[in-house]
């Protein structure tokens, strides 16, 4: 009976650890950088914020996009993330990117059918 109780406790602890990792591996991190449409020279300042298991791009606030849950996958010293946010006015944005140390880079599709990029100026991992 004691073995069963210990097995259940180990399983519950493992599940809790997985849920925490999936929901907030980048929480507390903020990145400032430039965003723009791929192939164009115009760029805008933007800040990416990871907090409370959610991702936010301040450059998209004006379009009604709100913070949305994000998922992560870590490979070596690089953490890949993905998040999907919606706006009543503008539809859906899908963000995919990576964080490595103090650098981040992402690309997203949404609002308009164009690929946009965001970067702190670092090279791809």
PDB file of N, CA and C in Angstrom:
ATOM      1  N   UNK A   1       0.817  -1.193   0.000  1.00  0.00           N
ATOM      2  CA  UNK A   1       0.000   0.000   0.000  1.00  0.00           C
ATOM      3  C   UNK A   1       0.866   1.265   0.000  1.00  0.00           C
ATOM      4  N   UNK A   2       1.937   1.251   0.783  1.00  0.00           N
ATOM      5  CA  UNK A   2       2.840   2.393   0.853  1.00  0.00           C
ATOM      6  C   UNK A   2       3.478   2.663  -0.500  1.00  0.00           C
ATOM      7  N   UNK A   3       3.807   1.610  -1.243  1.00  0.00           N
ATOM      8  CA  UNK A   3       4.389   1.771  -2.576  1.00  0.00           C
ATOM      9  C   UNK A   3       3.411   2.496  -3.504  1.00  0.00           C
ATOM     10  N   UNK A   4       2.136   2.144  -3.417  1.00  0.00           N
ATOM     11  CA  UNK A   4       1.124   2.787  -4.264  1.00  0.00           C
ATOM     12  C   UNK A   4       0.996   4.275  -3.937  1.00  0.00           C
ATOM     13  N   UNK A   5       1.019   4.600  -2.664  1.00  0.00           N
ATOM     14  CA  UNK A   5       0.917   6.004  -2.244  1.00  0.00           C
ATOM     15  C   UNK A   5       2.126   6.779  -2.739  1.00  0.00           C
ATOM     16  N   UNK A   6       3.317   6.205  -2.589  1.00  0.00           N
ATOM     17  CA  UNK A   6       4.525   6.875  -3.076  1.00  0.00           C
ATOM     18  C   UNK A   6       4.495   7.042  -4.588  1.00  0.00           C
ATOM     19  N   UNK A   7       4.018   6.034  -5.294  1.00  0.00           N
ATOM     20  CA  UNK A   7       3.917   6.110  -6.750  1.00  0.00           C
ATOM     21  C   UNK A   7       2.971   7.231  -7.171  1.00  0.00           C
ATOM     22  N   UNK A   8       1.853   7.351  -6.488  1.00  0.00           N
ATOM     23  CA  UNK A   8       0.896   8.420  -6.788  1.00  0.00           C
ATOM     24  C   UNK A   8       1.524   9.788  -6.512  1.00  0.00           C
ATOM     25  N   UNK A   9       2.222   9.928  -5.390  1.00  0.00           N
ATOM     26  CA  UNK A   9       2.871  11.199  -5.070  1.00  0.00           C
ATOM     27  C   UNK A   9       3.921  11.564  -6.108  1.00  0.00           C
ATOM     28  N   UNK A  10       4.709  10.607  -6.560  1.00  0.00           N
ATOM     29  CA  UNK A  10       5.713  10.866  -7.598  1.00  0.00           C
ATOM     30  C   UNK A  10       5.035  11.286  -8.893  1.00  0.00           C
ATOM     31  N   UNK A  11       3.954  10.611  -9.272  1.00  0.00           N
ATOM     32  CA  UNK A  11       3.235  10.944 -10.506  1.00  0.00           C
ATOM     33  C   UNK A  11       2.647  12.352 -10.438  1.00  0.00           C
ATOM     34  N   UNK A  12       2.050  12.712  -9.310  1.00  0.00           N
ATOM     35  CA  UNK A  12       1.467  14.052  -9.150  1.00  0.00           C
ATOM     36  C   UNK A  12       2.555  15.117  -9.219  1.00  0.00           C
ATOM     37  N   UNK A  13       3.684  14.878  -8.566  1.00  0.00           N
ATOM     38  CA  UNK A  13       4.791  15.829  -8.600  1.00  0.00           C
ATOM     39  C   UNK A  13       5.325  15.995 -10.013  1.00  0.00           C
ATOM     40  N   UNK A  14       5.473  14.904 -10.741  1.00  0.00           N
ATOM     41  CA  UNK A  14       5.964  14.972 -12.121  1.00  0.00           C
ATOM     42  C   UNK A  14       4.999  15.747 -13.006  1.00  0.00           C
ATOM     43  N   UNK A  15       3.712  15.506 -12.849  1.00  0.00           N
ATOM     44  CA  UNK A  15       2.715  16.239 -13.652  1.00  0.00           C
ATOM     45  C   UNK A  15       2.743  17.724 -13.331  1.00  0.00           C
ATOM     46  N   UNK A  16       2.866  18.060 -12.063  1.00  0.00           N
ATOM     47  CA  UNK A  16       2.929  19.479 -11.687  1.00  0.00           C
ATOM     48  C   UNK A  16       4.146  20.145 -12.300  1.00  0.00           C
ATOM     49  N   UNK A  17       5.275  19.458 -12.327  1.00  0.00           N
ATOM     50  CA  UNK A  17       6.493  20.024 -12.929  1.00  0.00           C
ATOM     51  C   UNK A  17       6.307  20.234 -14.417  1.00  0.00           C
ATOM     52  N   UNK A  18       5.661  19.304 -15.099  1.00  0.00           N
ATOM     53  CA  UNK A  18       5.415  19.455 -16.538  1.00  0.00           C
ATOM     54  C   UNK A  18       4.497  20.634 -16.821  1.00  0.00           C
ATOM     55  N   UNK A  19       3.459  20.780 -16.039  1.00  0.00           N
ATOM     56  CA  UNK A  19       2.531  21.898 -16.242  1.00  0.00           C
ATOM     57  C   UNK A  19       3.251  23.217 -16.032  1.00  0.00           C
ATOM     58  N   UNK A  20       4.074  23.323 -15.007  1.00  0.00           N
ATOM     59  CA  UNK A  20       4.805  24.563 -14.748  1.00  0.00           C
ATOM     60  C   UNK A  20       5.731  24.887 -15.914  1.00  0.00           C
ATOM     61  N   UNK A  21       6.465  23.898 -16.412  1.00  0.00           N
ATOM     62  CA  UNK A  21       7.402  24.137 -17.510  1.00  0.00           C
ATOM     63  C   UNK A  21       6.679  24.567 -18.769  1.00  0.00           C
ATOM     64  N   UNK A  22       5.518  23.970 -19.036  1.00  0.00           N
ATOM     65  CA  UNK A  22       4.791  24.291 -20.252  1.00  0.00           C
ATOM     66  C   UNK A  22       4.220  25.699 -20.190  1.00  0.00           C
ATOM     67  N   UNK A  23       3.884  26.177 -18.992  1.00  0.00           N
ATOM     68  CA  UNK A  23       3.187  27.440 -18.900  1.00  0.00           C
ATOM     69  C   UNK A  23       4.039  28.653 -18.604  1.00  0.00           C
ATOM     70  N   UNK A  24       5.270  28.508 -18.203  1.00  0.00           N
ATOM     71  CA  UNK A  24       5.982  29.706 -17.824  1.00  0.00           C
ATOM     72  C   UNK A  24       7.484  29.614 -17.821  1.00  0.00           C
ATOM     73  N   UNK A  25       8.059  28.819 -18.688  1.00  0.00           N
ATOM     74  CA  UNK A  25       9.515  28.653 -18.710  1.00  0.00           C
ATOM     75  C   UNK A  25      10.255  29.962 -18.958  1.00  0.00           C
ATOM     76  N   UNK A  26       9.604  30.927 -19.610  1.00  0.00           N
ATOM     77  CA  UNK A  26      10.246  32.214 -19.902  1.00  0.00           C
ATOM     78  C   UNK A  26       9.693  33.360 -19.039  1.00  0.00           C
ATOM     79  N   UNK A  27       8.809  33.021 -18.113  1.00  0.00           N
ATOM     80  CA  UNK A  27       8.216  34.066 -17.272  1.00  0.00           C
ATOM     81  C   UNK A  27       9.284  34.931 -16.609  1.00  0.00           C
ATOM     82  N   UNK A  28       9.030  36.225 -16.603  1.00  0.00           N
ATOM     83  CA  UNK A  28       9.956  37.185 -16.003  1.00  0.00           C
ATOM     84  C   UNK A  28      10.930  37.782 -17.005  1.00  0.00           C
ATOM     85  N   UNK A  29      10.936  37.265 -18.219  1.00  0.00           N
ATOM     86  CA  UNK A  29      11.857  37.785 -19.242  1.00  0.00           C
ATOM     87  C   UNK A  29      11.156  38.834 -20.101  1.00  0.00           C
ATOM     88  N   UNK A  30      11.899  39.881 -20.450  1.00  0.00           N
ATOM     89  CA  UNK A  30      11.422  40.960 -21.305  1.00  0.00           C
ATOM     90  C   UNK A  30      12.519  41.284 -22.308  1.00  0.00           C
ATOM     91  N   UNK A  31      12.131  41.486 -23.569  1.00  0.00           N
ATOM     92  CA  UNK A  31      13.101  41.781 -24.620  1.00  0.00           C
ATOM     93  C   UNK A  31      12.641  42.993 -25.420  1.00  0.00           C
ATOM     94  N   UNK A  32      13.534  43.946 -25.616  1.00  0.00           N
ATOM     95  CA  UNK A  32      13.246  45.115 -26.443  1.00  0.00           C
ATOM     96  C   UNK A  32      13.983  44.963 -27.757  1.00  0.00           C
ATOM     97  N   UNK A  33      13.295  45.272 -28.857  1.00  0.00           N
ATOM     98  CA  UNK A  33      13.929  45.121 -30.161  1.00  0.00           C
ATOM     99  C   UNK A  33      13.143  45.819 -31.248  1.00  0.00           C
ATOM    100  N   UNK A  34      13.447  45.467 -32.482  1.00  0.00           N
ATOM    101  CA  UNK A  34      12.813  46.071 -33.650  1.00  0.00           C
ATOM    102  C   UNK A  34      11.948  45.044 -34.362  1.00  0.00           C
ATOM    103  N   UNK A  35      10.809  45.505 -34.880  1.00  0.00           N
ATOM    104  CA  UNK A  35       9.955  44.630 -35.668  1.00  0.00           C
ATOM    105  C   UNK A  35       9.661  45.299 -36.998  1.00  0.00           C
ATOM    106  N   UNK A  36       9.370  44.484 -37.981  1.00  0.00           N
ATOM    107  CA  UNK A  36       9.043  45.016 -39.291  1.00  0.00           C
ATOM    108  C   UNK A  36       8.642  43.917 -40.241  1.00  0.00           C
ATOM    109  N   UNK A  37       8.100  44.327 -41.364  1.00  0.00           N
ATOM    110  CA  UNK A  37       7.680  43.367 -42.366  1.00  0.00           C
ATOM    111  C   UNK A  37       8.899  42.885 -43.142  1.00  0.00           C
ATOM    112  N   UNK A  38       8.980  41.582 -43.333  1.00  0.00           N
ATOM    113  CA  UNK A  38      10.116  40.996 -44.032  1.00  0.00           C
ATOM    114  C   UNK A  38      10.244  41.594 -45.425  1.00  0.00           C
ATOM    115  N   UNK A  39      11.471  42.013 -45.772  1.00  0.00           N
ATOM    116  CA  UNK A  39      11.734  42.584 -47.084  1.00  0.00           C
ATOM    117  C   UNK A  39      11.552  44.090 -47.156  1.00  0.00           C
ATOM    118  N   UNK A  40      11.099  44.718 -46.069  1.00  0.00           N
ATOM    119  CA  UNK A  40      10.918  46.166 -46.037  1.00  0.00           C
ATOM    120  C   UNK A  40      11.877  46.778 -45.027  1.00  0.00           C
ATOM    121  N   UNK A  41      12.192  48.052 -45.208  1.00  0.00           N
ATOM    122  CA  UNK A  41      13.173  48.700 -44.340  1.00  0.00           C
ATOM    123  C   UNK A  41      12.561  49.363 -43.107  1.00  0.00           C
ATOM    124  N   UNK A  42      11.279  49.637 -43.109  1.00  0.00           N
ATOM    125  CA  UNK A  42      10.630  50.303 -41.983  1.00  0.00           C
ATOM    126  C   UNK A  42      10.575  49.365 -40.776  1.00  0.00           C
ATOM    127  N   UNK A  43      11.045  49.852 -39.631  1.00  0.00           N
ATOM    128  CA  UNK A  43      11.005  49.064 -38.395  1.00  0.00           C
ATOM    129  C   UNK A  43      10.336  49.870 -37.286  1.00  0.00           C
ATOM    130  N   UNK A  44       9.816  49.153 -36.307  1.00  0.00           N
ATOM    131  CA  UNK A  44       9.143  49.756 -35.162  1.00  0.00           C
ATOM    132  C   UNK A  44       9.716  49.142 -33.896  1.00  0.00           C
ATOM    133  N   UNK A  45       9.800  49.941 -32.863  1.00  0.00           N
ATOM    134  CA  UNK A  45      10.241  49.437 -31.566  1.00  0.00           C
ATOM    135  C   UNK A  45       9.120  48.593 -30.969  1.00  0.00           C
ATOM    136  N   UNK A  46       9.505  47.504 -30.321  1.00  0.00           N
ATOM    137  CA  UNK A  46       8.534  46.591 -29.735  1.00  0.00           C
ATOM    138  C   UNK A  46       9.177  45.940 -28.523  1.00  0.00           C
ATOM    139  N   UNK A  47       8.360  45.519 -27.589  1.00  0.00           N
ATOM    140  CA  UNK A  47       8.830  44.816 -26.407  1.00  0.00           C
ATOM    141  C   UNK A  47       8.054  43.514 -26.276  1.00  0.00           C
ATOM    142  N   UNK A  48       8.787  42.420 -26.104  1.00  0.00           N
ATOM    143  CA  UNK A  48       8.183  41.117 -25.863  1.00  0.00           C
ATOM    144  C   UNK A  48       8.238  40.861 -24.366  1.00  0.00           C
ATOM    145  N   UNK A  49       7.099  40.480 -23.799  1.00  0.00           N
ATOM    146  CA  UNK A  49       7.006  40.270 -22.360  1.00  0.00           C
ATOM    147  C   UNK A  49       6.454  38.876 -22.088  1.00  0.00           C
ATOM    148  N   UNK A  50       7.139  38.136 -21.220  1.00  0.00           N
ATOM    149  CA  UNK A  50       6.683  36.823 -20.781  1.00  0.00           C
ATOM    150  C   UNK A  50       6.353  36.932 -19.298  1.00  0.00           C
ATOM    151  N   UNK A  51       5.087  36.756 -18.942  1.00  0.00           N
ATOM    152  CA  UNK A  51       4.679  36.881 -17.540  1.00  0.00           C
ATOM    153  C   UNK A  51       3.421  36.058 -17.280  1.00  0.00           C
ATOM    154  N   UNK A  52       3.385  35.415 -16.132  1.00  0.00           N
ATOM    155  CA  UNK A  52       2.217  34.645 -15.701  1.00  0.00           C
ATOM    156  C   UNK A  52       1.778  33.611 -16.734  1.00  0.00           C
ATOM    157  N   UNK A  53       2.741  32.992 -17.421  1.00  0.00           N
ATOM    158  CA  UNK A  53       2.414  31.976 -18.409  1.00  0.00           C
ATOM    159  C   UNK A  53       1.875  32.527 -19.710  1.00  0.00           C
ATOM    160  N   UNK A  54       1.993  33.861 -19.893  1.00  0.00           N
ATOM    161  CA  UNK A  54       1.468  34.499 -21.098  1.00  0.00           C
ATOM    162  C   UNK A  54       2.543  35.308 -21.811  1.00  0.00           C
ATOM    163  N   UNK A  55       2.355  35.466 -23.106  1.00  0.00           N
ATOM    164  CA  UNK A  55       3.256  36.223 -23.975  1.00  0.00           C
ATOM    165  C   UNK A  55       2.525  37.477 -24.450  1.00  0.00           C
ATOM    166  N   UNK A  56       3.265  38.588 -24.518  1.00  0.00           N
ATOM    167  CA  UNK A  56       2.678  39.851 -24.995  1.00  0.00           C
ATOM    168  C   UNK A  56       3.690  40.586 -25.861  1.00  0.00           C
ATOM    169  N   UNK A  57       3.224  41.102 -26.984  1.00  0.00           N
ATOM    170  CA  UNK A  57       4.018  41.976 -27.840  1.00  0.00           C
ATOM    171  C   UNK A  57       3.380  43.357 -27.723  1.00  0.00           C
ATOM    172  N   UNK A  58       4.103  44.320 -27.108  1.00  0.00           N
ATOM    173  CA  UNK A  58       3.499  45.638 -26.890  1.00  0.00           C
ATOM    174  C   UNK A  58       3.179  46.345 -28.202  1.00  0.00           C
ATOM    175  N   UNK A  59       3.892  46.000 -29.276  1.00  0.00           N
ATOM    176  CA  UNK A  59       3.626  46.608 -30.576  1.00  0.00           C
ATOM    177  C   UNK A  59       2.275  46.229 -31.143  1.00  0.00           C
ATOM    178  N   UNK A  60       1.682  45.168 -30.601  1.00  0.00           N
ATOM    179  CA  UNK A  60       0.376  44.715 -31.104  1.00  0.00           C
ATOM    180  C   UNK A  60      -0.775  45.133 -30.191  1.00  0.00           C
ATOM    181  N   UNK A  61      -0.455  45.787 -29.072  1.00  0.00           N
ATOM    182  CA  UNK A  61      -1.513  46.265 -28.172  1.00  0.00           C
ATOM    183  C   UNK A  61      -2.495  47.174 -28.905  1.00  0.00           C
ATOM    184  N   UNK A  62      -1.955  48.067 -29.739  1.00  0.00           N
ATOM    185  CA  UNK A  62      -2.803  49.046 -30.434  1.00  0.00           C
ATOM    186  C   UNK A  62      -3.808  48.395 -31.388  1.00  0.00           C
ATOM    187  N   UNK A  63      -3.564  47.121 -31.748  1.00  0.00           N
ATOM    188  CA  UNK A  63      -4.462  46.414 -32.652  1.00  0.00           C
ATOM    189  C   UNK A  63      -5.440  45.512 -31.896  1.00  0.00           C
ATOM    190  N   UNK A  64      -5.414  45.590 -30.574  1.00  0.00           N
ATOM    191  CA  UNK A  64      -6.365  44.831 -29.763  1.00  0.00           C
ATOM    192  C   UNK A  64      -5.903  43.430 -29.390  1.00  0.00           C
ATOM    193  N   UNK A  65      -4.647  43.080 -29.660  1.00  0.00           N
ATOM    194  CA  UNK A  65      -4.147  41.763 -29.275  1.00  0.00           C
ATOM    195  C   UNK A  65      -3.809  41.784 -27.790  1.00  0.00           C
ATOM    196  N   UNK A  66      -4.236  40.758 -27.106  1.00  0.00           N
ATOM    197  CA  UNK A  66      -4.029  40.678 -25.663  1.00  0.00           C
ATOM    198  C   UNK A  66      -3.025  39.571 -25.350  1.00  0.00           C
ATOM    199  N   UNK A  67      -2.440  39.592 -24.139  1.00  0.00           N
ATOM    200  CA  UNK A  67      -1.514  38.528 -23.763  1.00  0.00           C
ATOM    201  C   UNK A  67      -2.165  37.152 -23.922  1.00  0.00           C
ATOM    202  N   UNK A  68      -1.381  36.177 -24.397  1.00  0.00           N
ATOM    203  CA  UNK A  68      -1.903  34.833 -24.632  1.00  0.00           C
ATOM    204  C   UNK A  68      -0.927  33.797 -24.090  1.00  0.00           C
ATOM    205  N   UNK A  69      -1.447  32.651 -23.751  1.00  0.00           N
ATOM    206  CA  UNK A  69      -0.611  31.554 -23.254  1.00  0.00           C
ATOM    207  C   UNK A  69       0.462  31.219 -24.282  1.00  0.00           C
ATOM    208  N   UNK A  70       1.606  30.769 -23.798  1.00  0.00           N
ATOM    209  CA  UNK A  70       2.675  30.359 -24.698  1.00  0.00           C
ATOM    210  C   UNK A  70       3.202  28.986 -24.287  1.00  0.00           C
ATOM    211  N   UNK A  71       3.798  28.289 -25.243  1.00  0.00           N
ATOM    212  CA  UNK A  71       4.423  27.010 -24.966  1.00  0.00           C
ATOM    213  C   UNK A  71       5.907  27.131 -25.291  1.00  0.00           C
ATOM    214  N   UNK A  72       6.705  26.260 -24.690  1.00  0.00           N
ATOM    215  CA  UNK A  72       8.143  26.290 -24.925  1.00  0.00           C
ATOM    216  C   UNK A  72       8.687  24.887 -25.149  1.00  0.00           C
ATOM    217  N   UNK A  73       9.846  24.856 -25.778  1.00  0.00           N
ATOM    218  CA  UNK A  73      10.609  23.625 -25.976  1.00  0.00           C
ATOM    219  C   UNK A  73      12.078  24.037 -25.891  1.00  0.00           C
ATOM    220  N   UNK A  74      12.824  23.392 -25.027  1.00  0.00           N
ATOM    221  CA  UNK A  74      14.227  23.752 -24.847  1.00  0.00           C
ATOM    222  C   UNK A  74      15.135  22.735 -25.523  1.00  0.00           C
ATOM    223  N   UNK A  75      16.077  23.271 -26.299  1.00  0.00           N
ATOM    224  CA  UNK A  75      17.099  22.455 -26.954  1.00  0.00           C
ATOM    225  C   UNK A  75      18.445  23.082 -26.619  1.00  0.00           C
ATOM    226  N   UNK A  76      19.219  22.409 -25.780  1.00  0.00           N
ATOM    227  CA  UNK A  76      20.497  22.971 -25.352  1.00  0.00           C
ATOM    228  C   UNK A  76      20.272  24.255 -24.579  1.00  0.00           C
ATOM    229  N   UNK A  77      20.914  25.353 -25.016  1.00  0.00           N
ATOM    230  CA  UNK A  77      20.750  26.640 -24.324  1.00  0.00           C
ATOM    231  C   UNK A  77      19.751  27.553 -25.034  1.00  0.00           C
ATOM    232  N   UNK A  78      18.954  26.985 -25.944  1.00  0.00           N
ATOM    233  CA  UNK A  78      17.957  27.767 -26.678  1.00  0.00           C
ATOM    234  C   UNK A  78      16.552  27.304 -26.304  1.00  0.00           C
ATOM    235  N   UNK A  79      15.686  28.256 -25.984  1.00  0.00           N
ATOM    236  CA  UNK A  79      14.292  27.947 -25.686  1.00  0.00           C
ATOM    237  C   UNK A  79      13.428  28.475 -26.822  1.00  0.00           C
ATOM    238  N   UNK A  80      12.718  27.581 -27.482  1.00  0.00           N
ATOM    239  CA  UNK A  80      11.807  27.944 -28.573  1.00  0.00           C
ATOM    240  C   UNK A  80      10.436  28.194 -27.972  1.00  0.00           C
ATOM    241  N   UNK A  81       9.727  29.209 -28.459  1.00  0.00           N
ATOM    242  CA  UNK A  81       8.391  29.492 -27.934  1.00  0.00           C
ATOM    243  C   UNK A  81       7.395  29.685 -29.070  1.00  0.00           C
ATOM    244  N   UNK A  82       6.123  29.498 -28.713  1.00  0.00           N
ATOM    245  CA  UNK A  82       5.032  29.724 -29.656  1.00  0.00           C
ATOM    246  C   UNK A  82       3.826  30.231 -28.882  1.00  0.00           C
ATOM    247  N   UNK A  83       3.104  31.175 -29.489  1.00  0.00           N
ATOM    248  CA  UNK A  83       1.917  31.737 -28.866  1.00  0.00           C
ATOM    249  C   UNK A  83       0.945  32.195 -29.946  1.00  0.00           C
ATOM    250  N   UNK A  84      -0.330  32.055 -29.675  1.00  0.00           N
ATOM    251  CA  UNK A  84      -1.364  32.514 -30.597  1.00  0.00           C
ATOM    252  C   UNK A  84      -2.293  33.465 -29.853  1.00  0.00           C
ATOM    253  N   UNK A  85      -2.443  34.674 -30.376  1.00  0.00           N
ATOM    254  CA  UNK A  85      -3.290  35.685 -29.750  1.00  0.00           C
ATOM    255  C   UNK A  85      -4.346  36.144 -30.741  1.00  0.00           C
ATOM    256  N   UNK A  86      -5.471  36.562 -30.214  1.00  0.00           N
ATOM    257  CA  UNK A  86      -6.547  37.036 -31.088  1.00  0.00           C
ATOM    258  C   UNK A  86      -6.950  38.461 -30.730  1.00  0.00           C
ATOM    259  N   UNK A  87      -7.524  39.111 -31.719  1.00  0.00           N
ATOM    260  CA  UNK A  87      -8.054  40.462 -31.562  1.00  0.00           C
ATOM    261  C   UNK A  87      -9.421  40.482 -32.246  1.00  0.00           C
ATOM    262  N   UNK A  88     -10.417  41.027 -31.575  1.00  0.00           N
ATOM    263  CA  UNK A  88     -11.744  41.130 -32.200  1.00  0.00           C
ATOM    264  C   UNK A  88     -11.670  41.915 -33.499  1.00  0.00           C
ATOM    265  N   UNK A  89     -10.809  42.904 -33.526  1.00  0.00           N
ATOM    266  CA  UNK A  89     -10.700  43.820 -34.661  1.00  0.00           C
ATOM    267  C   UNK A  89      -9.803  43.274 -35.779  1.00  0.00           C
ATOM    268  N   UNK A  90      -8.711  42.555 -35.409  1.00  0.00           N
ATOM    269  CA  UNK A  90      -7.692  42.200 -36.385  1.00  0.00           C
ATOM    270  C   UNK A  90      -7.506  40.708 -36.660  1.00  0.00           C
ATOM    271  N   UNK A  91      -8.176  39.839 -35.914  1.00  0.00           N
ATOM    272  CA  UNK A  91      -8.053  38.410 -36.182  1.00  0.00           C
ATOM    273  C   UNK A  91      -7.033  37.728 -35.282  1.00  0.00           C
ATOM    274  N   UNK A  92      -6.147  36.927 -35.894  1.00  0.00           N
ATOM    275  CA  UNK A  92      -5.219  36.091 -35.139  1.00  0.00           C
ATOM    276  C   UNK A  92      -3.769  36.369 -35.505  1.00  0.00           C
ATOM    277  N   UNK A  93      -2.908  36.391 -34.507  1.00  0.00           N
ATOM    278  CA  UNK A  93      -1.457  36.452 -34.699  1.00  0.00           C
ATOM    279  C   UNK A  93      -0.860  35.169 -34.141  1.00  0.00           C
ATOM    280  N   UNK A  94       0.053  34.569 -34.887  1.00  0.00           N
ATOM    281  CA  UNK A  94       0.776  33.394 -34.421  1.00  0.00           C
ATOM    282  C   UNK A  94       2.251  33.766 -34.346  1.00  0.00           C
ATOM    283  N   UNK A  95       2.817  33.693 -33.146  1.00  0.00           N
ATOM    284  CA  UNK A  95       4.217  34.030 -32.935  1.00  0.00           C
ATOM    285  C   UNK A  95       5.016  32.754 -32.739  1.00  0.00           C
ATOM    286  N   UNK A  96       6.190  32.687 -33.359  1.00  0.00           N
ATOM    287  CA  UNK A  96       7.138  31.591 -33.148  1.00  0.00           C
ATOM    288  C   UNK A  96       8.517  32.218 -33.052  1.00  0.00           C
ATOM    289  N   UNK A  97       9.280  31.814 -32.053  1.00  0.00           N
ATOM    290  CA  UNK A  97      10.599  32.409 -31.911  1.00  0.00           C
ATOM    291  C   UNK A  97      11.464  31.649 -30.944  1.00  0.00           C
ATOM    292  N   UNK A  98      12.601  32.246 -30.618  1.00  0.00           N
ATOM    293  CA  UNK A  98      13.535  31.624 -29.695  1.00  0.00           C
ATOM    294  C   UNK A  98      14.157  32.641 -28.766  1.00  0.00           C
ATOM    295  N   UNK A  99      14.613  32.142 -27.645  1.00  0.00           N
ATOM    296  CA  UNK A  99      15.332  32.939 -26.654  1.00  0.00           C
ATOM    297  C   UNK A  99      16.609  32.182 -26.335  1.00  0.00           C
ATOM    298  N   UNK A 100      17.719  32.904 -26.359  1.00  0.00           N
ATOM    299  CA  UNK A 100      19.018  32.320 -26.031  1.00  0.00           C
ATOM    300  C   UNK A 100      19.766  33.360 -25.208  1.00  0.00           C
ATOM    301  N   UNK A 101      19.886  33.095 -23.913  1.00  0.00           N
ATOM    302  CA  UNK A 101      20.538  34.069 -23.029  1.00  0.00           C
ATOM    303  C   UNK A 101      19.741  35.368 -22.983  1.00  0.00           C
ATOM    304  N   UNK A 102      20.395  36.470 -23.364  1.00  0.00           N
ATOM    305  CA  UNK A 102      19.724  37.772 -23.335  1.00  0.00           C
ATOM    306  C   UNK A 102      19.204  38.175 -24.711  1.00  0.00           C
ATOM    307  N   UNK A 103      19.227  37.255 -25.670  1.00  0.00           N
ATOM    308  CA  UNK A 103      18.781  37.560 -27.024  1.00  0.00           C
ATOM    309  C   UNK A 103      17.502  36.801 -27.366  1.00  0.00           C
ATOM    310  N   UNK A 104      16.695  37.406 -28.228  1.00  0.00           N
ATOM    311  CA  UNK A 104      15.464  36.767 -28.679  1.00  0.00           C
ATOM    312  C   UNK A 104      15.227  37.132 -30.138  1.00  0.00           C
ATOM    313  N   UNK A 105      14.557  36.257 -30.832  1.00  0.00           N
ATOM    314  CA  UNK A 105      14.164  36.532 -32.209  1.00  0.00           C
ATOM    315  C   UNK A 105      12.858  35.805 -32.455  1.00  0.00           C
ATOM    316  N   UNK A 106      11.995  36.404 -33.234  1.00  0.00           N
ATOM    317  CA  UNK A 106      10.729  35.761 -33.549  1.00  0.00           C
ATOM    318  C   UNK A 106      10.256  36.148 -34.932  1.00  0.00           C
ATOM    319  N   UNK A 107       9.307  35.383 -35.415  1.00  0.00           N
ATOM    320  CA  UNK A 107       8.590  35.759 -36.638  1.00  0.00           C
ATOM    321  C   UNK A 107       7.131  35.456 -36.364  1.00  0.00           C
ATOM    322  N   UNK A 108       6.276  36.165 -37.052  1.00  0.00           N
ATOM    323  CA  UNK A 108       4.863  35.915 -36.844  1.00  0.00           C
ATOM    324  C   UNK A 108       4.084  36.199 -38.103  1.00  0.00           C
ATOM    325  N   UNK A 109       2.923  35.590 -38.153  1.00  0.00           N
ATOM    326  CA  UNK A 109       1.973  35.826 -39.239  1.00  0.00           C
ATOM    327  C   UNK A 109       0.678  36.274 -38.588  1.00  0.00           C
ATOM    328  N   UNK A 110      -0.002  37.150 -39.220  1.00  0.00           N
ATOM    329  CA  UNK A 110      -1.274  37.597 -38.679  1.00  0.00           C
ATOM    330  C   UNK A 110      -1.675  38.918 -39.280  1.00  0.00           C
ATOM    331  N   UNK A 111      -2.653  39.539 -38.658  1.00  0.00           N
ATOM    332  CA  UNK A 111      -3.215  40.813 -39.091  1.00  0.00           C
ATOM    333  C   UNK A 111      -3.335  40.937 -40.593  1.00  0.00           C
ATOM    334  N   UNK A 112      -2.256  40.881 -41.300  1.00  0.00           N
ATOM    335  CA  UNK A 112      -2.253  40.959 -42.758  1.00  0.00           C
ATOM    336  C   UNK A 112      -1.441  39.759 -43.239  1.00  0.00           C
ATOM    337  N   UNK A 113      -1.690  39.279 -44.433  1.00  0.00           N
ATOM    338  CA  UNK A 113      -0.971  38.085 -44.887  1.00  0.00           C
ATOM    339  C   UNK A 113       0.486  38.379 -45.247  1.00  0.00           C
ATOM    340  N   UNK A 114       1.276  38.739 -44.254  1.00  0.00           N
ATOM    341  CA  UNK A 114       2.696  39.046 -44.488  1.00  0.00           C
ATOM    342  C   UNK A 114       3.514  38.482 -43.339  1.00  0.00           C
ATOM    343  N   UNK A 115       4.697  38.060 -43.630  1.00  0.00           N
ATOM    344  CA  UNK A 115       5.611  37.596 -42.586  1.00  0.00           C
ATOM    345  C   UNK A 115       6.292  38.806 -41.985  1.00  0.00           C
ATOM    346  N   UNK A 116       6.321  38.844 -40.686  1.00  0.00           N
ATOM    347  CA  UNK A 116       6.984  39.926 -39.986  1.00  0.00           C
ATOM    348  C   UNK A 116       8.068  39.322 -39.108  1.00  0.00           C
ATOM    349  N   UNK A 117       9.082  40.109 -38.816  1.00  0.00           N
ATOM    350  CA  UNK A 117      10.167  39.619 -37.968  1.00  0.00           C
ATOM    351  C   UNK A 117      10.398  40.573 -36.804  1.00  0.00           C
ATOM    352  N   UNK A 118      11.007  40.052 -35.775  1.00  0.00           N
ATOM    353  CA  UNK A 118      11.343  40.819 -34.588  1.00  0.00           C
ATOM    354  C   UNK A 118      12.681  40.307 -34.103  1.00  0.00           C
ATOM    355  N   UNK A 119      13.563  41.206 -33.669  1.00  0.00           N
ATOM    356  CA  UNK A 119      14.872  40.736 -33.238  1.00  0.00           C
ATOM    357  C   UNK A 119      15.536  41.721 -32.288  1.00  0.00           C
ATOM    358  N   UNK A 120      16.364  41.158 -31.410  1.00  0.00           N
ATOM    359  CA  UNK A 120      17.238  41.988 -30.568  1.00  0.00           C
ATOM    360  C   UNK A 120      18.548  42.217 -31.319  1.00  0.00           C
ATOM    361  N   UNK A 121      18.633  41.725 -32.555  1.00  0.00           N
ATOM    362  CA  UNK A 121      19.831  41.902 -33.356  1.00  0.00           C
ATOM    363  C   UNK A 121      20.769  40.717 -33.313  1.00  0.00           C
ATOM    364  N   UNK A 122      20.372  39.643 -32.650  1.00  0.00           N
ATOM    365  CA  UNK A 122      21.237  38.482 -32.545  1.00  0.00           C
ATOM    366  C   UNK A 122      21.035  37.537 -33.719  1.00  0.00           C
ATOM    367  N   UNK A 123      22.001  36.651 -33.935  1.00  0.00           N
ATOM    368  CA  UNK A 123      21.925  35.696 -35.021  1.00  0.00           C
ATOM    369  C   UNK A 123      21.144  34.461 -34.590  1.00  0.00           C
ATOM    370  N   UNK A 124      20.619  33.726 -35.546  1.00  0.00           N
ATOM    371  CA  UNK A 124      19.875  32.508 -35.249  1.00  0.00           C
ATOM    372  C   UNK A 124      20.770  31.490 -34.550  1.00  0.00           C
ATOM    373  N   UNK A 125      20.178  30.710 -33.653  1.00  0.00           N
ATOM    374  CA  UNK A 125      20.981  29.699 -32.946  1.00  0.00           C
ATOM    375  C   UNK A 125      21.419  28.587 -33.887  1.00  0.00           C
TER     376      UNK A 125
END
